[in-house]
Amino acid sequence: MADRHPLFMPLILVGGLIFGFGLGFSQMARPEVVLHFLQFEDVGLLFVMFGAAIVSGIAFAVMPRLRDSAPLTGDRYERRLKPFDRNVLIGGAIFGVGWGLSGICPGAAYASLGVGNVTILWALAGMFVGAYLQGVWRSTHATTEVAPSDAD
């Protein structure tokens, strides 16, 4: 982290604040709006998601052509493919169930707290407990991959 640009963390903070403000302003930080979307009663969140996907897609397509590396981190622009395995399937299912029960996802939960929804603390507590338990599970079930030796 020491090799990053000095403005990296302040820009992350400002970006998060802008994101949270946008969620609060657009009413997407209200669990009832999300639940109405999940029940196919309101498609407003779908337009927000598509808008974000379009902007991200354009940025991912254009930026590697303009620059060799990210301006603040120096990391190269490249695809980082990860395998679709059992952990992704289970994690996605748990995320989906939590999203459906609480009506909020992690980023929007903080924005919801910022607009005065203190009952969202229950959902945030569940997220932290789940993340902690997942970390404990991973640390106890960590598998060490042994590289094949050249002696074989």
Protein backbone atom coordinates (compact mmCIF):
# COMPACT_ATOMS: atom_id res chain seq x y z
CA MET A 1 0.00 0.00 0.00
CA ALA A 2 3.01 2.27 0.46
CA ASP A 3 3.60 2.40 -3.30
CA ARG A 4 0.19 3.88 -4.04
CA HIS A 5 -0.42 7.49 -4.95
CA PRO A 6 -0.97 9.72 -1.87
CA LEU A 7 -4.45 10.64 -3.13
CA PHE A 8 -5.56 7.00 -3.37
CA MET A 9 -7.30 6.73 0.03
CA PRO A 10 -8.85 10.23 -0.01
CA LEU A 11 -10.29 9.54 -3.48
CA ILE A 12 -11.67 6.20 -2.30
CA LEU A 13 -13.38 8.04 0.57
CA VAL A 14 -14.79 10.74 -1.73
CA GLY A 15 -15.95 8.11 -4.22
CA GLY A 16 -17.71 6.20 -1.46
CA LEU A 17 -19.39 9.35 -0.19
CA ILE A 18 -20.60 10.23 -3.70
CA PHE A 19 -21.84 6.66 -4.21
CA GLY A 20 -23.67 6.70 -0.87
CA PHE A 21 -25.18 10.11 -1.58
CA GLY A 22 -26.37 8.87 -4.96
CA LEU A 23 -27.98 5.81 -3.40
CA GLY A 24 -29.68 7.94 -0.76
CA PHE A 25 -30.81 10.60 -3.23
CA SER A 26 -32.21 8.03 -5.68
CA GLN A 27 -34.08 6.25 -2.84
CA MET A 28 -32.13 3.05 -3.57
CA ALA A 29 -30.94 2.91 0.06
CA ARG A 30 -34.49 2.23 1.23
CA PRO A 31 -35.09 -1.50 1.79
CA GLU A 32 -38.71 -1.26 0.69
CA VAL A 33 -37.60 0.00 -2.75
CA VAL A 34 -35.26 -2.97 -3.10
CA LEU A 35 -37.91 -5.42 -1.93
CA HIS A 36 -40.40 -3.99 -4.45
CA PHE A 37 -37.76 -4.54 -7.15
CA LEU A 38 -37.21 -8.15 -6.04
CA GLN A 39 -40.99 -8.70 -6.14
CA PHE A 40 -41.15 -7.25 -9.70
CA GLU A 41 -43.33 -4.34 -8.53
CA ASP A 42 -40.82 -1.54 -9.30
CA VAL A 43 -38.14 -1.64 -11.99
CA GLY A 44 -36.35 1.59 -10.99
CA LEU A 45 -33.46 -0.32 -9.44
CA LEU A 46 -33.04 -2.24 -12.68
CA PHE A 47 -32.40 1.03 -14.53
CA VAL A 48 -29.85 2.06 -11.89
CA MET A 49 -28.06 -1.29 -12.28
CA PHE A 50 -28.09 -1.12 -16.08
CA GLY A 51 -26.79 2.45 -15.96
CA ALA A 52 -23.93 1.41 -13.70
CA ALA A 53 -23.15 -1.60 -15.90
CA ILE A 54 -23.04 0.55 -19.03
CA VAL A 55 -20.74 3.15 -17.47
CA SER A 56 -18.46 0.42 -16.07
CA GLY A 57 -18.43 -1.45 -19.38
CA ILE A 58 -17.42 1.67 -21.29
CA ALA A 59 -14.70 2.46 -18.73
CA PHE A 60 -13.30 -1.09 -18.87
CA ALA A 61 -13.28 -0.98 -22.69
CA VAL A 62 -11.77 2.51 -23.09
CA MET A 63 -9.29 2.91 -20.23
CA PRO A 64 -6.84 0.16 -21.31
CA ARG A 65 -6.60 1.88 -24.70
CA LEU A 66 -5.82 5.25 -23.12
CA ARG A 67 -3.39 4.16 -20.41
CA ASP A 68 -1.17 1.17 -19.66
CA SER A 69 -1.83 1.27 -15.94
CA ALA A 70 -4.26 2.67 -13.40
CA PRO A 71 -3.32 6.26 -12.48
CA LEU A 72 -3.42 5.91 -8.69
CA THR A 73 -2.28 2.32 -8.13
CA GLY A 74 0.01 1.68 -11.07
CA ASP A 75 -1.62 -1.73 -11.58
CA ARG A 76 -1.90 -2.92 -15.17
CA TYR A 77 -5.34 -3.12 -16.73
CA GLU A 78 -6.06 -6.77 -17.30
CA ARG A 79 -8.85 -9.27 -16.92
CA ARG A 80 -8.73 -11.20 -13.71
CA LEU A 81 -10.75 -14.31 -14.28
CA LYS A 82 -11.73 -16.32 -11.26
CA PRO A 83 -13.18 -19.82 -11.35
CA PHE A 84 -16.87 -20.42 -10.87
CA ASP A 85 -16.77 -22.98 -8.11
CA ARG A 86 -18.75 -24.19 -5.12
CA ASN A 87 -17.65 -21.21 -2.99
CA VAL A 88 -18.97 -18.73 -5.55
CA LEU A 89 -22.28 -20.59 -5.77
CA ILE A 90 -22.73 -20.82 -1.99
CA GLY A 91 -21.60 -17.23 -1.43
CA GLY A 92 -23.97 -15.96 -4.11
CA ALA A 93 -26.86 -17.91 -2.61
CA ILE A 94 -26.16 -16.55 0.88
CA PHE A 95 -25.84 -13.02 -0.51
CA GLY A 96 -29.13 -13.39 -2.39
CA VAL A 97 -31.00 -14.72 0.64
CA GLY A 98 -29.61 -11.91 2.80
CA TRP A 99 -30.51 -9.33 0.14
CA GLY A 100 -34.04 -10.70 -0.10
CA LEU A 101 -34.57 -10.86 3.67
CA SER A 102 -33.13 -7.46 4.52
CA GLY A 103 -33.91 -5.65 1.27
CA ILE A 104 -30.43 -4.20 1.20
CA CYS A 105 -26.94 -5.04 -0.01
CA PRO A 106 -23.74 -4.09 1.85
CA GLY A 107 -22.99 -0.81 0.06
CA ALA A 108 -26.54 0.41 0.25
CA ALA A 109 -26.77 -0.62 3.92
CA TYR A 110 -24.25 2.06 4.87
CA ALA A 111 -26.10 4.61 2.75
CA SER A 112 -29.36 3.54 4.40
CA LEU A 113 -27.81 4.12 7.80
CA GLY A 114 -26.71 7.54 6.57
CA VAL A 115 -30.28 8.50 5.68
CA GLY A 116 -31.48 7.61 9.17
CA ASN A 117 -32.56 3.98 8.91
CA VAL A 118 -31.17 2.74 12.24
CA THR A 119 -32.94 -0.62 12.03
CA ILE A 120 -30.53 -1.48 9.21
CA LEU A 121 -27.97 -2.03 11.98
CA TRP A 122 -29.42 -5.55 12.30
CA ALA A 123 -28.56 -6.27 8.68
CA LEU A 124 -25.10 -4.73 9.08
CA ALA A 125 -24.52 -6.86 12.19
CA GLY A 126 -25.52 -9.94 10.20
CA MET A 127 -23.09 -8.99 7.44
CA PHE A 128 -20.24 -8.59 9.91
CA VAL A 129 -21.05 -11.87 11.67
CA GLY A 130 -21.26 -13.65 8.33
CA ALA A 131 -17.95 -12.20 7.15
CA TYR A 132 -16.30 -13.16 10.44
CA LEU A 133 -17.65 -16.72 10.31
CA GLN A 134 -16.54 -17.06 6.70
CA GLY A 135 -13.05 -15.93 7.69
CA VAL A 136 -12.94 -18.41 10.56
CA TRP A 137 -14.18 -21.20 8.29
CA ARG A 138 -11.61 -20.36 5.63
CA SER A 139 -8.75 -20.22 8.12
CA THR A 140 -9.65 -23.65 9.54
CA HIS A 141 -10.28 -25.23 6.14
CA ALA A 142 -7.36 -23.65 4.31
CA THR A 143 -5.79 -26.01 1.86
CA THR A 144 -2.21 -25.57 0.90
CA GLU A 145 -1.48 -26.42 -2.66
CA VAL A 146 1.81 -28.13 -3.15
CA ALA A 147 3.55 -27.32 -6.39
CA PRO A 148 4.76 -30.37 -8.28
CA SER A 149 8.47 -30.84 -7.83
CA ASP A 150 10.93 -31.21 -10.65
CA ALA A 151 12.33 -34.35 -9.01
CA ASP A 152 9.44 -36.51 -10.27
